[in-house]
Amino acid sequence: KFFSSDLPESDCKRSCFIITTRNKDVTSAIT
């Protein structure tokens, strides 16, 4: 939902997102 097609990758290149999770499935599914 957060990174829908409304947010092209080039528009957020200057930003950084850090995600913490305890679930390996989440980390493997997120590019």
Full PDB file with SEQRES, HELIX, SHEET, SSBOND, CRYST1, ORIGX, SCALE, CONECT and MASTER records, all heavy atoms in Angstrom:
SEQRES   1 A   31  LYS PHE PHE SER SER ASP LEU PRO GLU SER ASP CYS LYS          
SEQRES   2 A   31  ARG SER CYS PHE ILE ILE THR THR ARG ASN LYS ASP VAL          
SEQRES   3 A   31  THR SER ALA ILE THR                                          
HELIX    1 AA1 GLU A    9  CYS A   12  5                                   4    
HELIX    2 AA2 LYS A   24  ALA A   29  1                                   6    
CRYST1    1.000    1.000    1.000  90.00  90.00  90.00 P 1           1          
ORIGX1      1.000000  0.000000  0.000000        0.00000                         
ORIGX2      0.000000  1.000000  0.000000        0.00000                         
ORIGX3      0.000000  0.000000  1.000000        0.00000                         
SCALE1      1.000000  0.000000  0.000000        0.00000                         
SCALE2      0.000000  1.000000  0.000000        0.00000                         
SCALE3      0.000000  0.000000  1.000000        0.00000                         
ATOM      1  N   LYS A   1       0.832  -1.204   0.000  1.00  0.00           N  
ATOM      2  CA  LYS A   1       0.000   0.000   0.000  1.00  0.00           C  
ATOM      3  C   LYS A   1       0.867   1.255   0.000  1.00  0.00           C  
ATOM      4  O   LYS A   1       0.583   2.220  -0.693  1.00  0.00           O  
ATOM      5  CB  LYS A   1      -0.926   0.019   1.217  1.00  0.00           C  
ATOM      6  CG  LYS A   1      -2.091  -0.926   1.093  1.00  0.00           C  
ATOM      7  CD  LYS A   1      -2.947  -0.876   2.343  1.00  0.00           C  
ATOM      8  CE  LYS A   1      -4.078  -1.880   2.285  1.00  0.00           C  
ATOM      9  NZ  LYS A   1      -4.865  -1.877   3.513  1.00  0.00           N  
ATOM     10  N   PHE A   2       1.908   1.227   0.799  1.00  0.00           N  
ATOM     11  CA  PHE A   2       2.756   2.406   0.908  1.00  0.00           C  
ATOM     12  C   PHE A   2       3.500   2.676  -0.393  1.00  0.00           C  
ATOM     13  O   PHE A   2       3.608   3.794  -0.851  1.00  0.00           O  
ATOM     14  CB  PHE A   2       3.736   2.260   2.070  1.00  0.00           C  
ATOM     15  CG  PHE A   2       4.475   3.522   2.374  1.00  0.00           C  
ATOM     16  CD1 PHE A   2       3.869   4.538   3.082  1.00  0.00           C  
ATOM     17  CD2 PHE A   2       5.771   3.702   1.924  1.00  0.00           C  
ATOM     18  CE1 PHE A   2       4.538   5.727   3.339  1.00  0.00           C  
ATOM     19  CE2 PHE A   2       6.446   4.882   2.174  1.00  0.00           C  
ATOM     20  CZ  PHE A   2       5.828   5.895   2.883  1.00  0.00           C  
ATOM     21  N   PHE A   3       4.046   1.630  -0.983  1.00  0.00           N  
ATOM     22  CA  PHE A   3       4.788   1.780  -2.230  1.00  0.00           C  
ATOM     23  C   PHE A   3       3.965   1.274  -3.404  1.00  0.00           C  
ATOM     24  O   PHE A   3       4.378   0.396  -4.147  1.00  0.00           O  
ATOM     25  CB  PHE A   3       6.120   1.035  -2.149  1.00  0.00           C  
ATOM     26  CG  PHE A   3       7.084   1.717  -1.233  1.00  0.00           C  
ATOM     27  CD1 PHE A   3       7.249   1.274   0.058  1.00  0.00           C  
ATOM     28  CD2 PHE A   3       7.794   2.819  -1.645  1.00  0.00           C  
ATOM     29  CE1 PHE A   3       8.118   1.913   0.918  1.00  0.00           C  
ATOM     30  CE2 PHE A   3       8.664   3.468  -0.791  1.00  0.00           C  
ATOM     31  CZ  PHE A   3       8.822   3.018   0.498  1.00  0.00           C  
ATOM     32  N   SER A   4       2.813   1.867  -3.563  1.00  0.00           N  
ATOM     33  CA  SER A   4       1.937   1.508  -4.677  1.00  0.00           C  
ATOM     34  C   SER A   4       2.498   2.113  -5.956  1.00  0.00           C  
ATOM     35  O   SER A   4       3.497   2.807  -5.959  1.00  0.00           O  
ATOM     36  CB  SER A   4       0.528   2.039  -4.415  1.00  0.00           C  
ATOM     37  OG  SER A   4       0.558   3.454  -4.412  1.00  0.00           O  
ATOM     38  N   SER A   5       1.815   1.886  -7.049  1.00  0.00           N  
ATOM     39  CA  SER A   5       2.246   2.437  -8.333  1.00  0.00           C  
ATOM     40  C   SER A   5       2.199   3.958  -8.341  1.00  0.00           C  
ATOM     41  O   SER A   5       2.730   4.596  -9.244  1.00  0.00           O  
ATOM     42  CB  SER A   5       1.382   1.878  -9.460  1.00  0.00           C  
ATOM     43  OG  SER A   5       0.029   2.194  -9.216  1.00  0.00           O  
ATOM     44  N   ASP A   6       1.556   4.572  -7.316  1.00  0.00           N  
ATOM     45  CA  ASP A   6       1.511   6.029  -7.217  1.00  0.00           C  
ATOM     46  C   ASP A   6       2.871   6.637  -6.876  1.00  0.00           C  
ATOM     47  O   ASP A   6       3.074   7.829  -7.013  1.00  0.00           O  
ATOM     48  CB  ASP A   6       0.523   6.469  -6.128  1.00  0.00           C  
ATOM     49  CG  ASP A   6      -0.910   6.110  -6.467  1.00  0.00           C  
ATOM     50  OD1 ASP A   6      -1.211   5.939  -7.663  1.00  0.00           O  
ATOM     51  OD2 ASP A   6      -1.713   5.994  -5.527  1.00  0.00           O  
ATOM     52  N   LEU A   7       3.780   5.824  -6.396  1.00  0.00           N  
ATOM     53  CA  LEU A   7       5.086   6.320  -5.974  1.00  0.00           C  
ATOM     54  C   LEU A   7       6.175   5.673  -6.826  1.00  0.00           C  
ATOM     55  O   LEU A   7       6.733   4.659  -6.446  1.00  0.00           O  
ATOM     56  CB  LEU A   7       5.322   6.013  -4.491  1.00  0.00           C  
ATOM     57  CG  LEU A   7       6.610   6.532  -3.885  1.00  0.00           C  
ATOM     58  CD1 LEU A   7       6.681   8.051  -3.961  1.00  0.00           C  
ATOM     59  CD2 LEU A   7       6.734   6.072  -2.447  1.00  0.00           C  
ATOM     60  N   PRO A   8       6.472   6.250  -7.972  1.00  0.00           N  
ATOM     61  CA  PRO A   8       7.544   5.691  -8.798  1.00  0.00           C  
ATOM     62  C   PRO A   8       8.857   5.676  -8.018  1.00  0.00           C  
ATOM     63  O   PRO A   8       9.123   6.571  -7.219  1.00  0.00           O  
ATOM     64  CB  PRO A   8       7.631   6.654  -9.983  1.00  0.00           C  
ATOM     65  CG  PRO A   8       6.354   7.418  -9.974  1.00  0.00           C  
ATOM     66  CD  PRO A   8       5.879   7.434  -8.558  1.00  0.00           C  
ATOM     67  N   GLU A   9       9.646   4.654  -8.271  1.00  0.00           N  
ATOM     68  CA  GLU A   9      10.900   4.475  -7.535  1.00  0.00           C  
ATOM     69  C   GLU A   9      11.792   5.710  -7.633  1.00  0.00           C  
ATOM     70  O   GLU A   9      12.453   6.092  -6.676  1.00  0.00           O  
ATOM     71  CB  GLU A   9      11.639   3.254  -8.079  1.00  0.00           C  
ATOM     72  CG  GLU A   9      12.816   2.840  -7.244  1.00  0.00           C  
ATOM     73  CD  GLU A   9      13.441   1.559  -7.744  1.00  0.00           C  
ATOM     74  OE1 GLU A   9      12.724   0.667  -8.193  1.00  0.00           O  
ATOM     75  OE2 GLU A   9      14.682   1.482  -7.667  1.00  0.00           O  
ATOM     76  N   SER A  10      11.803   6.359  -8.779  1.00  0.00           N  
ATOM     77  CA  SER A  10      12.659   7.526  -8.964  1.00  0.00           C  
ATOM     78  C   SER A  10      12.270   8.686  -8.042  1.00  0.00           C  
ATOM     79  O   SER A  10      13.110   9.505  -7.695  1.00  0.00           O  
ATOM     80  CB  SER A  10      12.614   7.991 -10.418  1.00  0.00           C  
ATOM     81  OG  SER A  10      11.290   8.354 -10.764  1.00  0.00           O  
ATOM     82  N   ASP A  11      11.016   8.749  -7.628  1.00  0.00           N  
ATOM     83  CA  ASP A  11      10.569   9.840  -6.763  1.00  0.00           C  
ATOM     84  C   ASP A  11      11.060   9.716  -5.325  1.00  0.00           C  
ATOM     85  O   ASP A  11      11.068  10.690  -4.591  1.00  0.00           O  
ATOM     86  CB  ASP A  11       9.038   9.936  -6.753  1.00  0.00           C  
ATOM     87  CG  ASP A  11       8.499  10.508  -8.052  1.00  0.00           C  
ATOM     88  OD1 ASP A  11       9.273  11.175  -8.773  1.00  0.00           O  
ATOM     89  OD2 ASP A  11       7.312  10.274  -8.339  1.00  0.00           O  
ATOM     90  N   CYS A  12      11.411   8.520  -4.904  1.00  0.00           N  
ATOM     91  CA  CYS A  12      11.852   8.364  -3.512  1.00  0.00           C  
ATOM     92  C   CYS A  12      13.320   7.958  -3.415  1.00  0.00           C  
ATOM     93  O   CYS A  12      13.773   7.548  -2.363  1.00  0.00           O  
ATOM     94  CB  CYS A  12      10.950   7.382  -2.777  1.00  0.00           C  
ATOM     95  SG  CYS A  12      11.002   5.711  -3.400  1.00  0.00           S  
ATOM     96  N   LYS A  13      14.076   8.106  -4.473  1.00  0.00           N  
ATOM     97  CA  LYS A  13      15.499   7.744  -4.467  1.00  0.00           C  
ATOM     98  C   LYS A  13      16.290   8.526  -3.425  1.00  0.00           C  
ATOM     99  O   LYS A  13      17.269   8.037  -2.902  1.00  0.00           O  
ATOM    100  CB  LYS A  13      16.133   7.968  -5.847  1.00  0.00           C  
ATOM    101  CG  LYS A  13      15.882   6.864  -6.825  1.00  0.00           C  
ATOM    102  CD  LYS A  13      16.705   5.665  -6.462  1.00  0.00           C  
ATOM    103  CE  LYS A  13      16.629   4.644  -7.567  1.00  0.00           C  
ATOM    104  NZ  LYS A  13      16.961   3.331  -7.130  1.00  0.00           N  
ATOM    105  N   ARG A  14      15.885   9.750  -3.147  1.00  0.00           N  
ATOM    106  CA  ARG A  14      16.622  10.580  -2.194  1.00  0.00           C  
ATOM    107  C   ARG A  14      16.289  10.224  -0.752  1.00  0.00           C  
ATOM    108  O   ARG A  14      16.931  10.695   0.160  1.00  0.00           O  
ATOM    109  CB  ARG A  14      16.335  12.054  -2.440  1.00  0.00           C  
ATOM    110  CG  ARG A  14      16.739  12.510  -3.822  1.00  0.00           C  
ATOM    111  CD  ARG A  14      16.395  13.945  -4.106  1.00  0.00           C  
ATOM    112  NE  ARG A  14      15.257  14.428  -3.338  1.00  0.00           N  
ATOM    113  CZ  ARG A  14      15.045  15.697  -3.042  1.00  0.00           C  
ATOM    114  NH1 ARG A  14      15.876  16.610  -3.440  1.00  0.00           N  
ATOM    115  NH2 ARG A  14      13.985  16.063  -2.349  1.00  0.00           N  
ATOM    116  N   SER A  15      15.268   9.420  -0.573  1.00  0.00           N  
ATOM    117  CA  SER A  15      14.853   9.037   0.777  1.00  0.00           C  
ATOM    118  C   SER A  15      15.360   7.644   1.112  1.00  0.00           C  
ATOM    119  O   SER A  15      15.735   6.881   0.237  1.00  0.00           O  
ATOM    120  CB  SER A  15      13.329   9.086   0.883  1.00  0.00           C  
ATOM    121  OG  SER A  15      12.881  10.425   0.769  1.00  0.00           O  
ATOM    122  N   CYS A  16      15.338   7.345   2.399  1.00  0.00           N  
ATOM    123  CA  CYS A  16      15.804   6.049   2.875  1.00  0.00           C  
ATOM    124  C   CYS A  16      14.744   5.463   3.793  1.00  0.00           C  
ATOM    125  O   CYS A  16      14.186   6.166   4.633  1.00  0.00           O  
ATOM    126  CB  CYS A  16      17.117   6.218   3.642  1.00  0.00           C  
ATOM    127  SG  CYS A  16      17.773   4.684   4.306  1.00  0.00           S  
ATOM    128  N   PHE A  17      14.468   4.189   3.601  1.00  0.00           N  
ATOM    129  CA  PHE A  17      13.482   3.496   4.409  1.00  0.00           C  
ATOM    130  C   PHE A  17      14.170   2.336   5.107  1.00  0.00           C  
ATOM    131  O   PHE A  17      14.827   1.520   4.466  1.00  0.00           O  
ATOM    132  CB  PHE A  17      12.330   2.968   3.541  1.00  0.00           C  
ATOM    133  CG  PHE A  17      11.675   4.050   2.746  1.00  0.00           C  
ATOM    134  CD1 PHE A  17      12.112   4.365   1.469  1.00  0.00           C  
ATOM    135  CD2 PHE A  17      10.635   4.776   3.283  1.00  0.00           C  
ATOM    136  CE1 PHE A  17      11.524   5.380   0.742  1.00  0.00           C  
ATOM    137  CE2 PHE A  17      10.032   5.793   2.555  1.00  0.00           C  
ATOM    138  CZ  PHE A  17      10.484   6.095   1.284  1.00  0.00           C  
ATOM    139  N   ILE A  18      14.017   2.275   6.428  1.00  0.00           N  
ATOM    140  CA  ILE A  18      14.556   1.169   7.211  1.00  0.00           C  
ATOM    141  C   ILE A  18      13.376   0.435   7.811  1.00  0.00           C  
ATOM    142  O   ILE A  18      12.480   1.053   8.387  1.00  0.00           O  
ATOM    143  CB  ILE A  18      15.520   1.670   8.308  1.00  0.00           C  
ATOM    144  CG1 ILE A  18      16.745   2.336   7.654  1.00  0.00           C  
ATOM    145  CG2 ILE A  18      15.933   0.524   9.230  1.00  0.00           C  
ATOM    146  CD1 ILE A  18      17.714   2.953   8.639  1.00  0.00           C  
ATOM    147  N   ILE A  19      13.400  -0.867   7.664  1.00  0.00           N  
ATOM    148  CA  ILE A  19      12.309  -1.700   8.160  1.00  0.00           C  
ATOM    149  C   ILE A  19      12.887  -2.716   9.125  1.00  0.00           C  
ATOM    150  O   ILE A  19      13.866  -3.389   8.801  1.00  0.00           O  
ATOM    151  CB  ILE A  19      11.619  -2.428   6.992  1.00  0.00           C  
ATOM    152  CG1 ILE A  19      10.992  -1.403   6.055  1.00  0.00           C  
ATOM    153  CG2 ILE A  19      10.594  -3.423   7.483  1.00  0.00           C  
ATOM    154  CD1 ILE A  19      10.628  -1.954   4.718  1.00  0.00           C  
ATOM    155  N   THR A  20      12.310  -2.805  10.311  1.00  0.00           N  
ATOM    156  CA  THR A  20      12.697  -3.880  11.213  1.00  0.00           C  
ATOM    157  C   THR A  20      11.548  -4.874  11.278  1.00  0.00           C  
ATOM    158  O   THR A  20      10.381  -4.497  11.278  1.00  0.00           O  
ATOM    159  CB  THR A  20      13.031  -3.375  12.638  1.00  0.00           C  
ATOM    160  OG1 THR A  20      11.861  -2.864  13.257  1.00  0.00           O  
ATOM    161  CG2 THR A  20      14.123  -2.316  12.606  1.00  0.00           C  
ATOM    162  N   THR A  21      11.914  -6.135  11.293  1.00  0.00           N  
ATOM    163  CA  THR A  21      10.919  -7.203  11.367  1.00  0.00           C  
ATOM    164  C   THR A  21      11.568  -8.426  11.984  1.00  0.00           C  
ATOM    165  O   THR A  21      12.777  -8.616  11.907  1.00  0.00           O  
ATOM    166  CB  THR A  21      10.330  -7.544   9.976  1.00  0.00           C  
ATOM    167  OG1 THR A  21       9.318  -8.537  10.128  1.00  0.00           O  
ATOM    168  CG2 THR A  21      11.400  -8.032   9.018  1.00  0.00           C  
ATOM    169  N   ARG A  22      10.754  -9.258  12.567  1.00  0.00           N  
ATOM    170  CA  ARG A  22      11.238 -10.525  13.110  1.00  0.00           C  
ATOM    171  C   ARG A  22      10.891 -11.676  12.181  1.00  0.00           C  
ATOM    172  O   ARG A  22      11.131 -12.818  12.489  1.00  0.00           O  
ATOM    173  CB  ARG A  22      10.651 -10.747  14.502  1.00  0.00           C  
ATOM    174  CG  ARG A  22       9.140 -10.767  14.505  1.00  0.00           C  
ATOM    175  CD  ARG A  22       8.565 -10.752  15.896  1.00  0.00           C  
ATOM    176  NE  ARG A  22       8.640  -9.405  16.436  1.00  0.00           N  
ATOM    177  CZ  ARG A  22       8.560  -9.109  17.712  1.00  0.00           C  
ATOM    178  NH1 ARG A  22       8.373 -10.042  18.594  1.00  0.00           N  
ATOM    179  NH2 ARG A  22       8.654  -7.871  18.126  1.00  0.00           N  
ATOM    180  N   ASN A  23      10.293 -11.363  11.031  1.00  0.00           N  
ATOM    181  CA  ASN A  23       9.784 -12.377  10.118  1.00  0.00           C  
ATOM    182  C   ASN A  23      10.619 -12.411   8.837  1.00  0.00           C  
ATOM    183  O   ASN A  23      10.621 -11.453   8.070  1.00  0.00           O  
ATOM    184  CB  ASN A  23       8.318 -12.078   9.803  1.00  0.00           C  
ATOM    185  CG  ASN A  23       7.641 -13.172   9.034  1.00  0.00           C  
ATOM    186  OD1 ASN A  23       8.204 -13.745   8.126  1.00  0.00           O  
ATOM    187  ND2 ASN A  23       6.402 -13.453   9.405  1.00  0.00           N  
ATOM    188  N   LYS A  24      11.308 -13.516   8.588  1.00  0.00           N  
ATOM    189  CA  LYS A  24      12.156 -13.643   7.398  1.00  0.00           C  
ATOM    190  C   LYS A  24      11.343 -13.573   6.113  1.00  0.00           C  
ATOM    191  O   LYS A  24      11.850 -13.157   5.081  1.00  0.00           O  
ATOM    192  CB  LYS A  24      12.954 -14.938   7.448  1.00  0.00           C  
ATOM    193  CG  LYS A  24      14.063 -14.897   8.462  1.00  0.00           C  
ATOM    194  CD  LYS A  24      14.888 -16.165   8.429  1.00  0.00           C  
ATOM    195  CE  LYS A  24      15.967 -16.087   9.486  1.00  0.00           C  
ATOM    196  NZ  LYS A  24      16.801 -17.284   9.494  1.00  0.00           N  
ATOM    197  N   ASP A  25      10.078 -14.001   6.141  1.00  0.00           N  
ATOM    198  CA  ASP A  25       9.245 -13.925   4.942  1.00  0.00           C  
ATOM    199  C   ASP A  25       9.024 -12.471   4.517  1.00  0.00           C  
ATOM    200  O   ASP A  25       8.947 -12.174   3.324  1.00  0.00           O  
ATOM    201  CB  ASP A  25       7.892 -14.609   5.173  1.00  0.00           C  
ATOM    202  CG  ASP A  25       8.039 -16.113   5.356  1.00  0.00           C  
ATOM    203  OD1 ASP A  25       9.015 -16.681   4.820  1.00  0.00           O  
ATOM    204  OD2 ASP A  25       7.180 -16.713   6.025  1.00  0.00           O  
ATOM    205  N   VAL A  26       8.922 -11.574   5.489  1.00  0.00           N  
ATOM    206  CA  VAL A  26       8.752 -10.154   5.169  1.00  0.00           C  
ATOM    207  C   VAL A  26      10.013  -9.638   4.487  1.00  0.00           C  
ATOM    208  O   VAL A  26       9.941  -8.977   3.450  1.00  0.00           O  
ATOM    209  CB  VAL A  26       8.425  -9.325   6.429  1.00  0.00           C  
ATOM    210  CG1 VAL A  26       8.450  -7.832   6.127  1.00  0.00           C  
ATOM    211  CG2 VAL A  26       7.071  -9.728   6.999  1.00  0.00           C  
ATOM    212  N   THR A  27      11.172  -9.951   5.035  1.00  0.00           N  
ATOM    213  CA  THR A  27      12.417  -9.446   4.445  1.00  0.00           C  
ATOM    214  C   THR A  27      12.664 -10.010   3.057  1.00  0.00           C  
ATOM    215  O   THR A  27      13.162  -9.307   2.187  1.00  0.00           O  
ATOM    216  CB  THR A  27      13.640  -9.747   5.342  1.00  0.00           C  
ATOM    217  OG1 THR A  27      13.753 -11.151   5.538  1.00  0.00           O  
ATOM    218  CG2 THR A  27      13.543  -9.046   6.666  1.00  0.00           C  
ATOM    219  N   SER A  28      12.302 -11.247   2.835  1.00  0.00           N  
ATOM    220  CA  SER A  28      12.549 -11.820   1.512  1.00  0.00           C  
ATOM    221  C   SER A  28      11.563 -11.294   0.474  1.00  0.00           C  
ATOM    222  O   SER A  28      11.883 -11.240  -0.711  1.00  0.00           O  
ATOM    223  CB  SER A  28      12.517 -13.346   1.569  1.00  0.00           C  
ATOM    224  OG  SER A  28      11.232 -13.801   1.923  1.00  0.00           O  
ATOM    225  N   ALA A  29      10.380 -10.894   0.881  1.00  0.00           N  
ATOM    226  CA  ALA A  29       9.374 -10.415  -0.062  1.00  0.00           C  
ATOM    227  C   ALA A  29       9.550  -8.939  -0.411  1.00  0.00           C  
ATOM    228  O   ALA A  29       9.054  -8.480  -1.430  1.00  0.00           O  
ATOM    229  CB  ALA A  29       7.977 -10.642   0.505  1.00  0.00           C  
ATOM    230  N   ILE A  30      10.262  -8.202   0.435  1.00  0.00           N  
ATOM    231  CA  ILE A  30      10.472  -6.774   0.200  1.00  0.00           C  
ATOM    232  C   ILE A  30      11.748  -6.606  -0.609  1.00  0.00           C  
ATOM    233  O   ILE A  30      12.793  -7.113  -0.240  1.00  0.00           O  
ATOM    234  CB  ILE A  30      10.585  -6.011   1.537  1.00  0.00           C  
ATOM    235  CG1 ILE A  30       9.264  -6.074   2.291  1.00  0.00           C  
ATOM    236  CG2 ILE A  30      11.008  -4.565   1.306  1.00  0.00           C  
ATOM    237  CD1 ILE A  30       9.335  -5.517   3.688  1.00  0.00           C  
ATOM    238  N   THR A  31      11.655  -5.896  -1.698  1.00  0.00           N  
ATOM    239  CA  THR A  31      12.839  -5.616  -2.502  1.00  0.00           C  
ATOM    240  C   THR A  31      13.657  -4.572  -1.768  1.00  0.00           C  
ATOM    241  O   THR A  31      13.231  -3.434  -1.628  1.00  0.00           O  
ATOM    242  CB  THR A  31      12.432  -5.096  -3.889  1.00  0.00           C  
ATOM    243  OG1 THR A  31      11.528  -6.027  -4.471  1.00  0.00           O  
ATOM    244  CG2 THR A  31      13.635  -4.915  -4.782  1.00  0.00           C  
TER     245      THR A  31                                                      
MASTER        0    0    0    2    0    0    0    6  244    1    0    3          
END                                                                             
